[in-house]
Protein backbone atom coordinates (compact mmCIF):
# COMPACT_ATOMS: atom_id res chain seq x y z
CA MET A 1 -42.81 23.67 9.70
CA ARG A 2 -43.08 20.16 11.12
CA ARG A 3 -45.26 19.16 8.15
CA PHE A 4 -42.70 20.60 5.71
CA THR A 5 -39.91 18.66 7.45
CA THR A 6 -41.97 15.47 7.26
CA ILE A 7 -42.54 15.98 3.51
CA LEU A 8 -38.79 16.52 3.00
CA LEU A 9 -38.02 13.35 4.91
CA LEU A 10 -40.53 11.41 2.80
CA ILE A 11 -39.01 12.77 -0.42
CA LEU A 12 -35.52 11.84 0.83
CA LEU A 13 -36.67 8.35 1.80
CA ILE A 14 -38.34 7.78 -1.60
CA THR A 15 -35.19 9.03 -3.34
CA LEU A 16 -32.98 6.70 -1.31
CA LEU A 17 -35.26 3.74 -1.92
CA SER A 18 -35.39 4.52 -5.64
CA GLY A 19 -31.61 4.74 -5.71
CA ALA A 20 -31.28 1.42 -3.92
CA SER A 21 -33.72 -0.14 -6.34
CA LEU A 22 -31.87 1.28 -9.33
CA ALA A 23 -28.57 0.05 -7.92
CA GLN A 24 -29.93 -3.51 -8.01
CA THR A 25 -31.29 -3.25 -11.55
CA PRO A 26 -28.75 -4.60 -14.05
CA ARG A 27 -27.45 -1.93 -16.40
CA TYR A 28 -25.44 -2.00 -19.59
CA GLY A 29 -22.11 -0.32 -20.15
CA GLY A 30 -18.62 -0.01 -18.76
CA VAL A 31 -15.40 -1.99 -19.10
CA LEU A 32 -14.83 -4.90 -16.71
CA ARG A 33 -11.18 -4.85 -15.64
CA ARG A 34 -9.56 -8.14 -14.67
CA SER A 35 -6.00 -9.45 -14.47
CA LEU A 36 -4.05 -12.60 -15.31
CA ILE A 37 -0.71 -13.64 -13.83
CA ASN A 38 0.36 -15.12 -17.19
CA ASP A 39 -0.02 -14.17 -20.81
CA PRO A 40 -2.38 -16.82 -22.28
CA PRO A 41 -0.39 -19.33 -24.39
CA THR A 42 -3.27 -19.64 -26.89
CA LEU A 43 -6.88 -18.67 -27.57
CA ASP A 44 -7.52 -21.59 -29.93
CA PRO A 45 -10.03 -23.91 -28.17
CA ALA A 46 -8.36 -27.01 -29.64
CA MET A 47 -5.07 -26.10 -27.98
CA ILE A 48 -6.12 -24.82 -24.54
CA THR A 49 -4.85 -26.63 -21.44
CA ASP A 50 -4.41 -23.77 -18.94
CA THR A 51 -6.75 -21.56 -16.91
CA ALA A 52 -5.49 -18.20 -18.22
CA SER A 53 -6.30 -19.15 -21.82
CA ASP A 54 -9.58 -20.74 -20.75
CA GLU A 55 -10.82 -17.66 -18.90
CA VAL A 56 -10.38 -15.38 -21.90
CA ALA A 57 -11.49 -17.88 -24.57
CA ARG A 58 -14.60 -18.80 -22.53
CA GLN A 59 -15.95 -15.31 -23.27
CA ILE A 60 -15.34 -15.69 -27.03
CA PHE A 61 -16.58 -19.23 -27.72
CA ASP A 62 -19.55 -21.51 -27.00
CA GLY A 63 -20.15 -25.24 -27.21
CA LEU A 64 -23.10 -27.57 -27.30
CA VAL A 65 -23.47 -27.52 -23.51
CA GLU A 66 -21.89 -25.93 -20.43
CA TYR A 67 -21.98 -26.10 -16.65
CA ASN A 68 -24.22 -23.63 -14.85
CA PRO A 69 -23.09 -22.02 -11.54
CA GLU A 70 -24.51 -25.01 -9.64
CA GLY A 71 -22.43 -27.51 -11.64
CA LYS A 72 -25.29 -28.88 -13.76
CA VAL A 73 -24.87 -29.52 -17.51
CA VAL A 74 -27.23 -27.16 -19.36
CA PRO A 75 -27.95 -26.41 -23.06
CA VAL A 76 -26.10 -23.70 -24.98
CA ILE A 77 -26.02 -24.09 -28.78
CA ALA A 78 -27.70 -27.47 -28.38
CA LYS A 79 -31.20 -26.66 -27.21
CA SER A 80 -31.85 -30.33 -26.35
CA TRP A 81 -30.43 -33.83 -26.85
CA SER A 82 -31.26 -37.51 -26.64
CA ILE A 83 -29.14 -40.58 -25.84
CA SER A 84 -29.79 -44.03 -27.33
CA LYS A 85 -30.62 -46.90 -24.96
CA ASP A 86 -27.26 -48.56 -25.58
CA GLY A 87 -25.47 -45.32 -24.62
CA LEU A 88 -23.65 -45.11 -27.95
CA THR A 89 -25.51 -42.44 -29.92
CA TYR A 90 -25.97 -38.83 -28.79
CA THR A 91 -28.28 -36.69 -30.91
CA PHE A 92 -28.15 -32.91 -30.44
CA TYR A 93 -30.84 -30.52 -31.69
CA LEU A 94 -29.22 -27.15 -32.35
CA ARG A 95 -30.52 -23.61 -32.13
CA ASP A 96 -30.97 -21.93 -35.50
CA ASP A 97 -30.17 -18.39 -34.31
CA VAL A 98 -26.45 -18.66 -33.51
CA TYR A 99 -23.90 -16.69 -35.52
CA PHE A 100 -20.13 -16.58 -35.62
CA HIS A 101 -18.57 -13.18 -35.05
CA ASN A 102 -17.91 -12.95 -38.80
CA GLY A 103 -21.69 -12.98 -39.39
CA ARG A 104 -22.14 -16.56 -40.63
CA LYS A 105 -24.81 -18.79 -39.11
CA VAL A 106 -23.67 -21.87 -37.15
CA THR A 107 -24.87 -25.28 -38.36
CA ALA A 108 -24.29 -28.89 -37.38
CA GLU A 109 -21.51 -29.10 -40.00
CA ASP A 110 -19.52 -26.57 -37.97
CA PHE A 111 -19.51 -28.92 -34.99
CA VAL A 112 -18.51 -31.82 -37.26
CA TYR A 113 -15.54 -29.77 -38.45
CA SER A 114 -14.60 -28.42 -35.00
CA ILE A 115 -14.62 -31.80 -33.25
CA LYS A 116 -12.94 -33.67 -36.12
CA ARG A 117 -10.27 -30.96 -36.09
CA VAL A 118 -9.49 -31.83 -32.46
CA MET A 119 -9.36 -35.53 -33.41
CA ASP A 120 -7.08 -34.94 -36.40
CA PRO A 121 -3.42 -35.76 -35.54
CA LYS A 122 -2.34 -32.90 -37.83
CA THR A 123 -3.94 -30.44 -35.40
CA ALA A 124 -1.79 -31.84 -32.57
CA SER A 125 -4.42 -30.89 -30.02
CA PRO A 126 -3.22 -31.63 -26.47
CA ARG A 127 -6.82 -32.51 -25.66
CA ALA A 128 -7.35 -34.95 -28.55
CA ASN A 129 -7.64 -37.67 -25.90
CA PHE A 130 -10.93 -36.08 -24.78
CA ALA A 131 -12.33 -37.12 -28.16
CA ASP A 132 -10.99 -40.69 -28.00
CA PRO A 133 -14.43 -42.17 -27.18
CA ILE A 134 -15.90 -40.80 -30.45
CA LYS A 135 -16.33 -43.24 -33.32
CA ASP A 136 -18.16 -40.96 -35.74
CA ILE A 137 -19.73 -37.54 -35.92
CA LYS A 138 -22.08 -36.31 -38.62
CA ALA A 139 -24.71 -33.74 -39.45
CA LYS A 140 -28.09 -35.48 -39.81
CA SER A 141 -29.53 -32.19 -41.05
CA LYS A 142 -28.66 -28.51 -40.89
CA TYR A 143 -29.42 -28.33 -37.17
CA ILE A 144 -29.21 -31.95 -35.99
CA LEU A 145 -25.85 -33.34 -34.92
CA GLU A 146 -25.22 -37.03 -34.22
CA ILE A 147 -22.20 -38.33 -32.30
CA THR A 148 -21.59 -42.08 -32.11
CA LEU A 149 -19.23 -43.53 -29.52
CA LYS A 150 -16.97 -46.57 -29.85
CA GLU A 151 -18.38 -47.90 -26.60
CA PRO A 152 -20.43 -46.46 -23.75
CA PHE A 153 -18.59 -43.65 -21.96
CA ALA A 154 -20.34 -42.46 -18.81
CA PRO A 155 -18.87 -38.92 -18.53
CA PHE A 156 -19.26 -38.07 -22.23
CA LEU A 157 -21.89 -35.34 -21.88
CA SER A 158 -19.79 -33.70 -19.16
CA THR A 159 -16.67 -33.76 -21.33
CA LEU A 160 -18.51 -31.81 -24.03
CA THR A 161 -18.44 -28.77 -21.72
CA TYR A 162 -14.67 -28.59 -22.20
CA SER A 163 -13.02 -25.93 -24.38
CA CYS A 164 -11.74 -28.32 -27.07
CA PHE A 165 -15.38 -28.95 -28.08
CA TRP A 166 -16.28 -25.28 -28.61
CA VAL A 167 -17.32 -24.49 -32.16
CA VAL A 168 -14.99 -22.65 -34.58
CA PRO A 169 -15.54 -21.38 -38.17
CA LYS A 170 -13.71 -23.56 -40.71
CA GLU A 171 -13.10 -20.76 -43.21
CA VAL A 172 -11.38 -18.54 -40.61
CA VAL A 173 -9.30 -21.35 -39.08
CA GLU A 174 -8.05 -22.51 -42.47
CA LYS A 175 -7.32 -18.97 -43.63
CA LEU A 176 -5.36 -17.99 -40.52
CA GLY A 177 -3.72 -21.32 -39.68
CA LYS A 178 -1.68 -21.02 -36.48
CA ASP A 179 -2.55 -17.31 -36.29
CA PHE A 180 -6.09 -18.31 -35.30
CA ALA A 181 -4.65 -18.79 -31.79
CA THR A 182 -4.06 -15.03 -31.56
CA ASN A 183 -7.01 -13.86 -33.69
CA PRO A 184 -9.91 -16.04 -32.51
CA VAL A 185 -13.42 -15.95 -33.96
CA GLY A 186 -16.22 -17.64 -32.07
CA THR A 187 -19.92 -17.29 -31.27
CA GLY A 188 -19.60 -16.00 -27.70
CA ALA A 189 -20.88 -13.03 -25.75
CA TYR A 190 -17.67 -11.12 -26.45
CA ILE A 191 -15.69 -10.53 -29.64
CA PHE A 192 -11.89 -10.59 -29.66
CA GLU A 193 -10.53 -7.07 -30.07
CA GLU A 194 -6.89 -6.66 -29.01
CA TRP A 195 -3.93 -8.57 -27.58
CA LYS A 196 -0.70 -6.89 -26.57
CA HIS A 197 1.36 -9.83 -25.41
CA ASP A 198 2.43 -9.70 -21.76
CA VAL A 199 0.50 -6.42 -21.39
CA LYS A 200 -3.24 -6.93 -21.92
CA VAL A 201 -6.04 -8.78 -23.71
CA ARG A 202 -9.31 -7.05 -24.61
CA VAL A 203 -12.67 -8.27 -25.90
CA LYS A 204 -15.76 -6.24 -26.76
CA ALA A 205 -19.47 -6.97 -26.35
CA ASN A 206 -21.25 -9.03 -28.99
CA LEU A 207 -24.36 -6.92 -29.38
CA LYS A 208 -26.10 -9.66 -31.39
CA TYR A 209 -25.33 -12.53 -29.02
CA PHE A 210 -28.03 -15.21 -29.18
CA ARG A 211 -28.51 -15.28 -25.40
CA GLY A 212 -28.72 -11.51 -25.20
CA ARG A 213 -25.90 -8.97 -25.26
CA PRO A 214 -23.58 -8.99 -22.22
CA TYR A 215 -23.96 -6.20 -19.70
CA THR A 216 -20.48 -4.72 -20.05
CA ASP A 217 -19.20 -3.11 -23.23
CA ALA A 218 -15.83 -4.82 -22.92
CA ILE A 219 -13.53 -6.87 -20.71
CA GLU A 220 -9.86 -6.03 -20.35
CA TRP A 221 -7.33 -8.35 -18.70
CA ALA A 222 -4.05 -6.80 -17.58
CA ILE A 223 -1.12 -9.24 -17.44
CA ILE A 224 0.31 -8.77 -13.94
CA PRO A 225 2.68 -11.55 -12.75
CA ASP A 226 3.26 -9.94 -9.34
CA GLU A 227 0.29 -10.55 -7.03
CA GLN A 228 1.26 -7.64 -4.75
CA VAL A 229 1.24 -5.22 -7.68
CA ASP A 230 -2.02 -6.76 -8.82
CA PHE A 231 -3.72 -6.20 -5.47
CA LEU A 232 -2.32 -2.68 -5.18
CA ASN A 233 -4.02 -1.93 -8.51
CA PHE A 234 -7.26 -3.27 -7.07
CA GLU A 235 -6.97 -1.05 -4.00
CA LYS A 236 -6.39 1.93 -6.28
CA GLY A 237 -9.63 1.06 -8.10
CA LEU A 238 -7.83 0.08 -11.31
CA LEU A 239 -9.17 -3.50 -11.24
CA ASP A 240 -12.75 -4.61 -10.64
CA ILE A 241 -12.12 -8.24 -9.66
CA THR A 242 -8.99 -9.99 -8.47
CA GLY A 243 -7.53 -12.43 -5.96
CA ILE A 244 -6.10 -11.60 -2.54
CA PRO A 245 -2.42 -12.39 -1.86
CA ASP A 246 -1.86 -14.67 1.11
CA THR A 247 0.30 -11.98 2.69
CA GLU A 248 -2.64 -9.56 2.62
CA TRP A 249 -5.35 -11.99 3.68
CA ASP A 250 -5.47 -11.25 7.41
CA ARG A 251 -5.66 -7.51 6.86
CA VAL A 252 -8.16 -7.59 4.01
CA SER A 253 -10.49 -10.30 5.30
CA ASN A 254 -10.91 -8.41 8.60
CA ASP A 255 -11.42 -5.00 7.03
CA PRO A 256 -15.15 -3.96 7.04
CA LYS A 257 -14.46 -2.08 3.79
CA TYR A 258 -13.48 -5.26 1.95
CA LYS A 259 -15.09 -8.14 3.85
CA PRO A 260 -18.56 -7.90 2.21
CA TYR A 261 -17.01 -8.19 -1.25
CA ILE A 262 -15.03 -11.41 -0.74
CA ILE A 263 -16.57 -14.58 -2.19
CA SER A 264 -15.33 -17.88 -0.75
CA LYS A 265 -16.11 -21.26 -2.29
CA PRO A 266 -14.29 -24.64 -2.56
CA ILE A 267 -13.60 -25.62 -6.15
CA LEU A 268 -12.66 -28.90 -7.80
CA GLY A 269 -8.93 -28.46 -7.81
CA ILE A 270 -5.70 -29.59 -6.19
CA TYR A 271 -2.24 -28.03 -5.81
CA TYR A 272 0.56 -30.59 -5.85
CA LEU A 273 4.25 -31.36 -6.22
CA GLY A 274 4.85 -33.80 -9.05
CA PHE A 275 7.66 -36.20 -9.94
CA ASN A 276 8.67 -37.45 -13.36
CA VAL A 277 8.93 -41.08 -12.22
CA GLN A 278 10.92 -42.10 -15.28
CA LYS A 279 13.83 -39.80 -14.43
CA LYS A 280 16.52 -40.87 -11.99
CA PRO A 281 16.63 -40.67 -9.03
CA LEU A 282 12.86 -40.01 -8.94
CA ASP A 283 12.22 -43.49 -10.30
CA ASN A 284 12.95 -44.63 -6.73
CA LYS A 285 9.58 -45.06 -4.98
CA TYR A 286 11.10 -44.82 -1.50
CA LEU A 287 12.72 -41.50 -2.35
CA ARG A 288 9.34 -40.19 -3.48
CA TRP A 289 7.79 -41.45 -0.23
CA ALA A 290 10.56 -39.80 1.79
CA ILE A 291 9.92 -36.46 0.07
CA THR A 292 6.17 -36.91 0.59
CA ARG A 293 6.54 -37.46 4.34
CA ALA A 294 9.07 -34.63 4.72
CA ILE A 295 6.72 -31.95 3.38
CA ASN A 296 4.84 -30.14 6.11
CA LYS A 297 1.75 -29.38 4.06
CA GLU A 298 -0.21 -28.53 7.20
CA GLU A 299 2.19 -25.68 7.95
CA ILE A 300 2.16 -24.54 4.32
CA VAL A 301 -1.62 -24.17 4.48
CA ARG A 302 -1.62 -22.57 7.94
CA VAL A 303 1.33 -20.17 7.61
CA ILE A 304 1.79 -19.44 3.90
CA ARG A 305 -1.80 -19.84 2.71
CA ARG A 306 -3.28 -18.34 5.92
CA ASN A 307 -5.73 -21.27 6.13
CA ARG A 308 -7.26 -20.22 2.80
CA ALA A 309 -7.07 -23.75 1.46
CA GLU A 310 -7.68 -27.24 2.83
CA VAL A 311 -4.76 -29.62 3.42
CA ALA A 312 -4.88 -32.34 0.74
CA TYR A 313 -4.20 -36.00 1.36
CA THR A 314 -6.04 -37.47 -1.64
CA ILE A 315 -6.11 -36.74 -5.34
CA LEU A 316 -9.88 -36.32 -5.58
CA PRO A 317 -11.10 -33.19 -3.73
CA PRO A 318 -13.78 -33.73 -1.05
CA ASN A 319 -16.47 -32.08 -3.19
CA MET A 320 -15.83 -34.37 -6.18
CA PRO A 321 -18.33 -37.21 -6.66
CA GLY A 322 -16.57 -40.47 -5.82
CA PHE A 323 -14.39 -38.97 -3.07
CA SER A 324 -13.56 -41.63 -0.45
CA LYS A 325 -13.35 -40.67 3.21
CA GLY A 326 -11.69 -44.04 3.88
CA ILE A 327 -8.86 -43.33 1.43
CA TYR A 328 -8.58 -39.82 2.86
CA ASN A 329 -8.10 -41.20 6.39
CA TRP A 330 -5.58 -43.80 5.17
CA ALA A 331 -3.56 -41.17 3.29
CA LYS A 332 -3.67 -38.76 6.23
CA GLU A 333 -2.20 -41.45 8.47
CA ASN A 334 0.38 -42.80 6.02
CA LEU A 335 1.38 -39.87 3.82
CA SER A 336 1.29 -36.81 6.04
CA TYR A 337 4.26 -34.96 7.56
CA ASN A 338 6.48 -37.18 9.70
CA LEU A 339 10.19 -36.38 9.82
CA GLU A 340 11.26 -39.62 11.48
CA GLU A 341 9.39 -41.72 8.91
CA ALA A 342 10.83 -39.55 6.12
CA LYS A 343 14.38 -40.21 7.35
CA LYS A 344 13.75 -43.97 7.50
CA LEU A 345 12.31 -43.93 3.97
CA LEU A 346 15.28 -41.94 2.68
CA GLU A 347 17.61 -44.56 4.17
CA LYS A 348 15.51 -47.32 2.60
CA ALA A 349 15.87 -45.50 -0.73
CA GLY A 350 19.63 -45.87 -0.38
CA TYR A 351 20.43 -42.31 0.69
CA PRO A 352 20.84 -42.29 4.50
CA GLY A 353 20.76 -38.67 5.67
CA GLY A 354 20.83 -37.65 2.03
CA LYS A 355 24.30 -39.13 1.52
CA GLY A 356 24.96 -40.00 -2.12
CA LEU A 357 21.87 -38.18 -3.38
CA PRO A 358 22.66 -35.49 -5.95
CA GLU A 359 21.21 -32.01 -5.52
CA LEU A 360 17.64 -31.96 -6.84
CA THR A 361 16.00 -29.10 -8.73
CA ILE A 362 12.42 -28.12 -7.97
CA PHE A 363 10.79 -26.30 -10.87
CA TYR A 364 7.86 -23.88 -10.69
CA ASN A 365 6.21 -21.29 -12.90
CA THR A 366 7.03 -17.67 -12.10
CA SER A 367 4.90 -16.40 -9.23
CA ARG A 368 5.78 -15.06 -5.80
CA ALA A 369 3.01 -17.22 -4.30
CA HIS A 370 4.46 -20.40 -5.83
CA GLN A 371 7.96 -19.33 -4.82
CA ARG A 372 7.00 -19.06 -1.13
CA ILE A 373 5.55 -22.59 -1.17
CA MET A 374 8.57 -24.02 -3.00
CA GLU A 375 10.92 -22.33 -0.50
CA ALA A 376 8.99 -23.98 2.35
CA ILE A 377 9.29 -27.38 0.66
CA GLN A 378 13.00 -26.74 0.07
CA ALA A 379 13.46 -26.06 3.81
CA ASN A 380 11.45 -29.19 4.71
CA LEU A 381 13.64 -31.41 2.54
CA ALA A 382 16.81 -29.91 3.97
CA GLU A 383 15.72 -31.19 7.39
CA ILE A 384 16.21 -34.79 6.25
CA GLY A 385 19.38 -34.10 4.29
CA ILE A 386 17.97 -33.56 0.76
CA LYS A 387 19.67 -30.62 -0.95
CA THR A 388 17.60 -28.77 -3.54
CA LYS A 389 17.66 -25.65 -5.66
CA LEU A 390 14.71 -23.79 -7.15
CA GLN A 391 14.23 -22.89 -10.82
CA ASN A 392 11.37 -20.87 -12.27
CA TYR A 393 10.13 -20.23 -15.80
CA ASP A 394 7.36 -18.15 -17.33
CA TRP A 395 4.16 -20.15 -17.78
CA ALA A 396 4.31 -20.85 -21.54
CA VAL A 397 7.93 -22.06 -21.34
CA TYR A 398 7.20 -24.02 -18.17
CA LEU A 399 4.20 -25.75 -19.73
CA ASP A 400 6.21 -26.70 -22.80
CA LEU A 401 8.97 -28.24 -20.65
CA LEU A 402 6.39 -30.13 -18.61
CA ASP A 403 4.75 -31.51 -21.74
CA LYS A 404 8.13 -32.73 -22.99
CA GLY A 405 8.88 -34.45 -19.68
CA GLU A 406 11.95 -32.36 -18.96
CA LEU A 407 11.11 -31.38 -15.37
CA PRO A 408 11.98 -34.08 -12.77
CA ILE A 409 10.25 -32.30 -9.84
CA PHE A 410 7.59 -29.73 -10.57
CA ARG A 411 4.78 -27.69 -9.09
CA LEU A 412 1.39 -27.92 -10.70
CA GLY A 413 -2.26 -27.31 -10.03
CA TRP A 414 -5.16 -29.18 -11.53
CA VAL A 415 -8.72 -27.93 -11.67
CA ALA A 416 -11.54 -29.99 -13.11
CA ASP A 417 -12.46 -29.77 -16.76
CA TYR A 418 -15.62 -31.75 -16.04
CA ILE A 419 -17.26 -33.03 -12.86
CA ASP A 420 -16.21 -36.66 -12.79
CA PRO A 421 -13.35 -38.64 -11.13
CA ASP A 422 -12.28 -39.58 -14.67
CA ASN A 423 -10.95 -36.06 -15.14
CA PHE A 424 -8.43 -36.51 -12.34
CA LEU A 425 -7.56 -40.20 -12.24
CA TRP A 426 -7.67 -41.10 -15.95
CA VAL A 427 -6.36 -37.81 -17.35
CA LEU A 428 -3.49 -37.37 -14.87
CA PHE A 429 -2.40 -40.97 -14.30
CA ASN A 430 -3.38 -43.21 -17.21
CA SER A 431 -0.25 -44.05 -19.22
CA GLY A 432 -2.06 -43.25 -22.45
CA ASN A 433 -1.89 -39.57 -21.48
CA PHE A 434 1.84 -38.97 -21.14
CA GLY A 435 2.94 -35.34 -21.41
CA GLU A 436 0.63 -32.66 -22.73
CA ALA A 437 -2.41 -34.95 -22.49
CA GLY A 438 -2.18 -34.62 -18.70
CA ASN A 439 0.15 -37.27 -17.23
CA HIS A 440 3.16 -35.04 -16.53
CA SER A 441 4.56 -37.60 -14.09
CA PHE A 442 4.93 -40.08 -16.98
CA TYR A 443 3.51 -42.55 -14.49
CA LYS A 444 2.55 -46.06 -15.56
CA ASN A 445 0.83 -48.76 -13.53
CA ALA A 446 -0.90 -51.53 -15.51
CA ARG A 447 -3.61 -52.01 -12.87
CA VAL A 448 -4.32 -48.26 -12.71
CA ASP A 449 -4.60 -48.21 -16.51
CA GLU A 450 -7.00 -51.16 -16.39
CA LEU A 451 -9.18 -49.64 -13.66
CA THR A 452 -9.38 -46.12 -15.12
CA ASN A 453 -10.16 -47.53 -18.58
CA LYS A 454 -12.88 -49.84 -17.22
CA ALA A 455 -14.46 -47.04 -15.16
CA ARG A 456 -15.02 -45.00 -18.32
CA LYS A 457 -16.99 -47.78 -20.00
CA VAL A 458 -19.55 -48.76 -17.39
CA SER A 459 -22.67 -46.77 -16.62
CA ASN A 460 -23.25 -48.16 -13.12
CA TRP A 461 -22.12 -45.37 -10.80
CA ASN A 462 -21.37 -47.60 -7.79
CA LEU A 463 -19.16 -49.84 -9.91
CA ARG A 464 -17.37 -46.84 -11.39
CA VAL A 465 -16.68 -45.48 -7.90
CA LYS A 466 -15.29 -48.87 -6.84
CA TYR A 467 -12.84 -48.82 -9.77
CA TYR A 468 -11.81 -45.22 -9.13
CA ASN A 469 -11.28 -45.77 -5.40
CA GLU A 470 -8.99 -48.74 -6.04
CA ALA A 471 -7.06 -46.78 -8.66
CA GLU A 472 -6.63 -43.77 -6.39
CA LYS A 473 -5.27 -45.91 -3.54
CA LEU A 474 -2.72 -47.50 -5.90
CA ILE A 475 -1.64 -44.11 -7.23
CA LEU A 476 -1.19 -42.70 -3.73
CA GLU A 477 0.90 -45.75 -2.77
CA ASP A 478 3.13 -45.19 -5.82
CA ALA A 479 3.44 -41.46 -4.97
CA PRO A 480 3.92 -39.90 -8.43
CA ILE A 481 2.65 -36.68 -6.84
CA VAL A 482 2.42 -35.12 -3.38
CA PRO A 483 -1.03 -33.55 -2.82
CA ILE A 484 -0.46 -30.26 -0.97
CA PHE A 485 -3.85 -28.57 -0.73
CA TYR A 486 -7.34 -28.48 -2.21
CA TYR A 487 -8.23 -25.13 -3.75
CA VAL A 488 -10.70 -22.68 -2.29
CA SER A 489 -11.55 -19.77 -4.57
CA GLN A 490 -11.66 -16.42 -2.72
CA PRO A 491 -11.89 -13.55 -5.20
CA ILE A 492 -12.67 -10.00 -4.17
CA HIS A 493 -14.65 -7.47 -6.19
CA GLN A 494 -15.35 -3.77 -6.04
CA PRO A 495 -18.68 -2.56 -4.57
CA TRP A 496 -19.85 -1.55 -8.04
CA VAL A 497 -19.52 -5.10 -9.44
CA HIS A 498 -22.73 -7.16 -9.46
CA GLY A 499 -23.73 -10.65 -10.60
CA LEU A 500 -20.32 -12.21 -9.99
CA TYR A 501 -20.26 -15.88 -9.07
CA VAL A 502 -17.54 -18.49 -8.52
CA ASP A 503 -17.54 -21.36 -10.99
CA PRO A 504 -17.82 -24.69 -9.11
CA LEU A 505 -15.03 -26.23 -11.15
CA THR A 506 -12.36 -23.62 -11.63
CA GLY A 507 -13.30 -20.48 -9.70
CA LEU A 508 -12.89 -17.21 -11.62
CA SER A 509 -11.38 -18.80 -14.73
CA GLY A 510 -14.67 -20.61 -15.39
CA VAL A 511 -16.95 -17.58 -15.04
CA ARG A 512 -18.87 -16.36 -18.07
CA TYR A 513 -18.71 -12.62 -17.49
CA ARG A 514 -21.71 -11.80 -19.67
CA VAL A 515 -23.89 -11.92 -16.52
CA VAL A 516 -21.71 -9.47 -14.57
CA TRP A 517 -22.68 -5.78 -14.58
CA LEU A 518 -21.27 -2.55 -13.21
CA SER A 519 -23.17 0.16 -11.34
CA LYS A 520 -20.30 2.64 -11.69
């Protein structure tokens, strides 16, 4: 009897071990269920500027190179490359086994078309400025692409990871015109299948993908603007991966059922309040300083964000190369919450106690999370006599108004497109990028323009950092934005989700879901 019991125990142990082993072996099948708070404005790579569009389109398209989970530039359609000694010519050697979803093979000419399309003013790409350094692009042969720059541009290889440089099929783009934005055709691990606006977006597995078919059969994003509804769906098992509302953080992060499935990682992003410095009365630097010093960002992070972010004092996040601890300490001392200083600055601006200052409107895109932060800022400003009202718009409308410069005070977040200070300081504050190109503050400082332009052209890293540090200090002194917090990505996934990682740049929106698999 004892022997029989021992045999049963051995069989049970082997079964359990086999099950555990099988559970860790990637399997194919299933639908990965995600959510977005906004309907993507576009799925055309040339037109993407937001994270919702980027997350979906990233599954459909590929470029020459991409960032891996560690933040290193790695080959994709380009299997290798070389750079001339003068830093002007980049030669890419392409794979010969890549196909568009319509069945046609990708060649160097497709990249010539795709990149020149971004550069063409007729396309009106909001990211055309990313291609400004390019002088010429041509196909040296069927699978050799050559890009020549106007002058050396240190971050060029990194910029090629961005969505505007993903390859598209000329015949489909020209046939569909603007409808390509809602019927995209790429080379990626997933094929566009369905889009019910403001309801859901669905893509299906590309079974012939050149890097191997993705594990899941499909991905479906539900459009859920309300984060509480979103998380309730997760708790019901209707979503596989999502974020955790700040209001639920204490409960969820301390629950043994959920805690093992939360991933926490700082990303290269910043949440800020911006000013259109060309609109009165925001053209008054002392008013901007007064608002800056009146905002209790420390309390916003502690109370509203439940310490799930890091209080921001600088524009560059601490994990961005070129970050300056010295500038951080200066900004913390001179730009952090101080009511008495805020009142003095408001008086210096010509509005003692807020007298004579018209009611200001703070704009934000529709989200309960953003609303809570804007309400806190509204209460902060009231303490020094600044009257404000809040106005929200859906994301696509909001983005359009921002691009046109119609929002005097606005909420915005910025997450890195590529790992370089250039992507923050040049894109957001160089006067050549007004509006949709990135500078929504319509900020102009001749010295900042000079420094950010020079930093792009030199290859010496220490010299580049010197230029960027000086530019950042000048920008902070001019206060076209108020840094509120640096982002920390903290998604949660179901126990049956495996292989999920957090992209070092943008968190979940930068993940390529082809590596994620489901055991359920």
